Amino acid sequence: MKEKRLKEIRILNKIEKIREKMHNMIKHDKGTMFDDETVVVSQHLDELIVEYLRSSGGNCRGEAQES
């Protein structure tokens, strides 16, 4: 259980780093919102979010689901 939570925390940290990278890309140059690099970064972010949701059982807060 502890290993699972550590995995979730690692994924959340990656999500935050990628989210911040994408935010800074767009913040500094509004024209990059739809360029290829932004799309690739956004897709990577999507993949990490899906990975986190699968790891956490679909709960966005990572809380245990009720039976």
N, C-alpha and C. Protein backbone atom coordinates (compact mmCIF):
# COMPACT_ATOMS: atom_id res chain seq x y z
N MET A 1 0.83 -1.19 0.00
CA MET A 1 0.00 0.00 0.00
C MET A 1 0.87 1.25 0.00
N LYS A 2 1.93 1.22 0.79
CA LYS A 2 2.83 2.37 0.87
C LYS A 2 3.53 2.60 -0.47
N GLU A 3 3.93 1.50 -1.14
CA GLU A 3 4.59 1.61 -2.45
C GLU A 3 3.64 2.23 -3.46
N LYS A 4 2.37 1.85 -3.39
CA LYS A 4 1.38 2.40 -4.30
C LYS A 4 1.25 3.91 -4.09
N ARG A 5 1.21 4.33 -2.84
CA ARG A 5 1.09 5.76 -2.54
C ARG A 5 2.32 6.52 -3.00
N LEU A 6 3.51 5.92 -2.84
CA LEU A 6 4.74 6.56 -3.31
C LEU A 6 4.73 6.71 -4.83
N LYS A 7 4.20 5.70 -5.53
CA LYS A 7 4.08 5.78 -6.98
C LYS A 7 3.15 6.93 -7.37
N GLU A 8 2.04 7.04 -6.66
CA GLU A 8 1.08 8.12 -6.93
C GLU A 8 1.73 9.49 -6.72
N ILE A 9 2.51 9.61 -5.66
CA ILE A 9 3.19 10.88 -5.36
C ILE A 9 4.20 11.21 -6.46
N ARG A 10 4.94 10.20 -6.93
CA ARG A 10 5.90 10.43 -8.01
C ARG A 10 5.18 10.90 -9.27
N ILE A 11 4.05 10.28 -9.58
CA ILE A 11 3.29 10.68 -10.76
C ILE A 11 2.77 12.10 -10.60
N LEU A 12 2.25 12.42 -9.41
CA LEU A 12 1.76 13.78 -9.17
C LEU A 12 2.87 14.81 -9.31
N ASN A 13 4.07 14.48 -8.87
CA ASN A 13 5.20 15.39 -9.02
C ASN A 13 5.54 15.61 -10.50
N LYS A 14 5.50 14.53 -11.29
CA LYS A 14 5.74 14.65 -12.72
C LYS A 14 4.66 15.51 -13.37
N ILE A 15 3.41 15.27 -12.98
CA ILE A 15 2.29 16.06 -13.52
C ILE A 15 2.52 17.53 -13.25
N GLU A 16 2.89 17.86 -12.04
CA GLU A 16 3.10 19.26 -11.68
C GLU A 16 4.23 19.88 -12.49
N LYS A 17 5.33 19.16 -12.68
CA LYS A 17 6.46 19.69 -13.46
C LYS A 17 6.06 19.93 -14.91
N ILE A 18 5.36 18.99 -15.50
CA ILE A 18 4.94 19.13 -16.90
C ILE A 18 3.90 20.23 -17.03
N ARG A 19 2.98 20.31 -16.08
CA ARG A 19 1.96 21.35 -16.11
C ARG A 19 2.61 22.73 -16.03
N GLU A 20 3.59 22.85 -15.16
CA GLU A 20 4.30 24.12 -15.01
C GLU A 20 5.08 24.47 -16.28
N LYS A 21 5.71 23.47 -16.89
CA LYS A 21 6.44 23.69 -18.14
C LYS A 21 5.50 24.20 -19.21
N MET A 22 4.34 23.55 -19.35
CA MET A 22 3.38 23.96 -20.37
C MET A 22 2.85 25.36 -20.08
N HIS A 23 2.55 25.63 -18.84
CA HIS A 23 2.06 26.95 -18.45
C HIS A 23 3.08 28.03 -18.81
N ASN A 24 4.35 27.79 -18.49
CA ASN A 24 5.40 28.77 -18.79
C ASN A 24 5.59 28.96 -20.30
N MET A 25 5.47 27.87 -21.06
CA MET A 25 5.60 27.98 -22.51
C MET A 25 4.53 28.93 -23.05
N ILE A 26 3.31 28.76 -22.59
CA ILE A 26 2.19 29.56 -23.09
C ILE A 26 2.25 30.98 -22.53
N LYS A 27 2.64 31.09 -21.27
CA LYS A 27 2.71 32.40 -20.61
C LYS A 27 3.71 33.32 -21.31
N HIS A 28 4.85 32.76 -21.69
CA HIS A 28 5.91 33.57 -22.29
C HIS A 28 5.69 33.84 -23.78
N ASP A 29 4.89 33.02 -24.43
CA ASP A 29 4.64 33.22 -25.86
C ASP A 29 3.27 32.64 -26.19
N LYS A 30 2.27 33.50 -26.22
CA LYS A 30 0.89 33.07 -26.47
C LYS A 30 0.77 32.32 -27.79
N GLY A 31 1.66 32.59 -28.74
CA GLY A 31 1.63 31.92 -30.03
C GLY A 31 1.98 30.45 -29.96
N THR A 32 2.58 30.01 -28.85
CA THR A 32 2.96 28.60 -28.73
C THR A 32 1.81 27.70 -28.29
N MET A 33 0.66 28.29 -28.01
CA MET A 33 -0.45 27.50 -27.48
C MET A 33 -0.81 26.31 -28.37
N PHE A 34 -0.70 26.48 -29.67
CA PHE A 34 -1.11 25.41 -30.58
C PHE A 34 0.03 24.88 -31.44
N ASP A 35 1.27 25.17 -31.04
CA ASP A 35 2.37 24.64 -31.84
C ASP A 35 2.65 23.19 -31.47
N ASP A 36 3.49 22.55 -32.27
CA ASP A 36 3.74 21.11 -32.11
C ASP A 36 4.31 20.75 -30.75
N GLU A 37 5.24 21.56 -30.25
CA GLU A 37 5.87 21.24 -28.96
C GLU A 37 4.85 21.29 -27.82
N THR A 38 3.97 22.29 -27.85
CA THR A 38 2.94 22.40 -26.81
C THR A 38 1.99 21.21 -26.87
N VAL A 39 1.64 20.78 -28.07
CA VAL A 39 0.76 19.63 -28.23
C VAL A 39 1.42 18.38 -27.65
N VAL A 40 2.69 18.20 -27.93
CA VAL A 40 3.42 17.03 -27.41
C VAL A 40 3.46 17.06 -25.88
N VAL A 41 3.76 18.23 -25.32
CA VAL A 41 3.82 18.37 -23.85
C VAL A 41 2.42 18.12 -23.26
N SER A 42 1.40 18.64 -23.91
CA SER A 42 0.02 18.44 -23.43
C SER A 42 -0.37 16.96 -23.48
N GLN A 43 0.02 16.26 -24.52
CA GLN A 43 -0.27 14.83 -24.62
C GLN A 43 0.46 14.05 -23.53
N HIS A 44 1.69 14.44 -23.25
CA HIS A 44 2.44 13.79 -22.17
C HIS A 44 1.73 14.01 -20.83
N LEU A 45 1.26 15.23 -20.63
CA LEU A 45 0.52 15.54 -19.41
C LEU A 45 -0.74 14.68 -19.31
N ASP A 46 -1.46 14.54 -20.42
CA ASP A 46 -2.65 13.68 -20.45
C ASP A 46 -2.31 12.25 -20.06
N GLU A 47 -1.21 11.73 -20.61
CA GLU A 47 -0.79 10.36 -20.30
C GLU A 47 -0.49 10.20 -18.81
N LEU A 48 0.17 11.18 -18.22
CA LEU A 48 0.48 11.11 -16.79
C LEU A 48 -0.79 11.16 -15.95
N ILE A 49 -1.74 11.98 -16.36
CA ILE A 49 -3.01 12.06 -15.62
C ILE A 49 -3.75 10.73 -15.68
N VAL A 50 -3.78 10.11 -16.86
CA VAL A 50 -4.42 8.80 -16.99
C VAL A 50 -3.69 7.77 -16.12
N GLU A 51 -2.37 7.81 -16.14
CA GLU A 51 -1.58 6.88 -15.32
C GLU A 51 -1.91 7.07 -13.84
N TYR A 52 -2.01 8.32 -13.41
CA TYR A 52 -2.35 8.60 -12.02
C TYR A 52 -3.74 8.08 -11.67
N LEU A 53 -4.71 8.35 -12.54
CA LEU A 53 -6.07 7.90 -12.26
C LEU A 53 -6.16 6.38 -12.20
N ARG A 54 -5.44 5.71 -13.06
CA ARG A 54 -5.42 4.24 -13.01
C ARG A 54 -4.77 3.75 -11.71
N SER A 55 -3.69 4.39 -11.34
CA SER A 55 -2.97 4.00 -10.13
C SER A 55 -3.80 4.24 -8.87
N SER A 56 -4.57 5.32 -8.89
CA SER A 56 -5.34 5.67 -7.70
C SER A 56 -6.74 5.05 -7.70
N GLY A 57 -7.01 4.19 -8.67
CA GLY A 57 -8.32 3.56 -8.73
C GLY A 57 -9.39 4.48 -9.28
N GLY A 58 -8.99 5.51 -10.01
CA GLY A 58 -9.94 6.43 -10.62
C GLY A 58 -10.34 7.59 -9.75
N ASN A 59 -9.81 7.63 -8.54
CA ASN A 59 -10.14 8.72 -7.64
C ASN A 59 -9.12 9.83 -7.81
N CYS A 60 -9.58 11.02 -8.15
CA CYS A 60 -8.65 12.09 -8.47
C CYS A 60 -7.85 12.56 -7.26
N ARG A 61 -8.27 12.24 -6.07
CA ARG A 61 -7.52 12.64 -4.87
C ARG A 61 -6.63 11.51 -4.36
N GLY A 62 -6.69 10.36 -4.98
CA GLY A 62 -5.88 9.25 -4.55
C GLY A 62 -6.40 8.58 -3.29
N GLU A 63 -7.62 8.91 -2.89
CA GLU A 63 -8.19 8.30 -1.70
C GLU A 63 -8.70 6.91 -2.04
N ALA A 64 -8.74 6.05 -1.08
CA ALA A 64 -9.24 4.70 -1.29
C ALA A 64 -10.72 4.76 -1.66
N GLN A 65 -11.09 3.96 -2.64
CA GLN A 65 -12.49 3.90 -3.03
C GLN A 65 -13.26 3.06 -2.03
N GLU A 66 -14.51 3.46 -1.82
CA GLU A 66 -15.35 2.69 -0.90
C GLU A 66 -15.88 1.47 -1.62
N SER A 67 -16.04 0.39 -0.91
CA SER A 67 -16.56 -0.84 -1.50
C SER A 67 -18.06 -0.87 -1.46
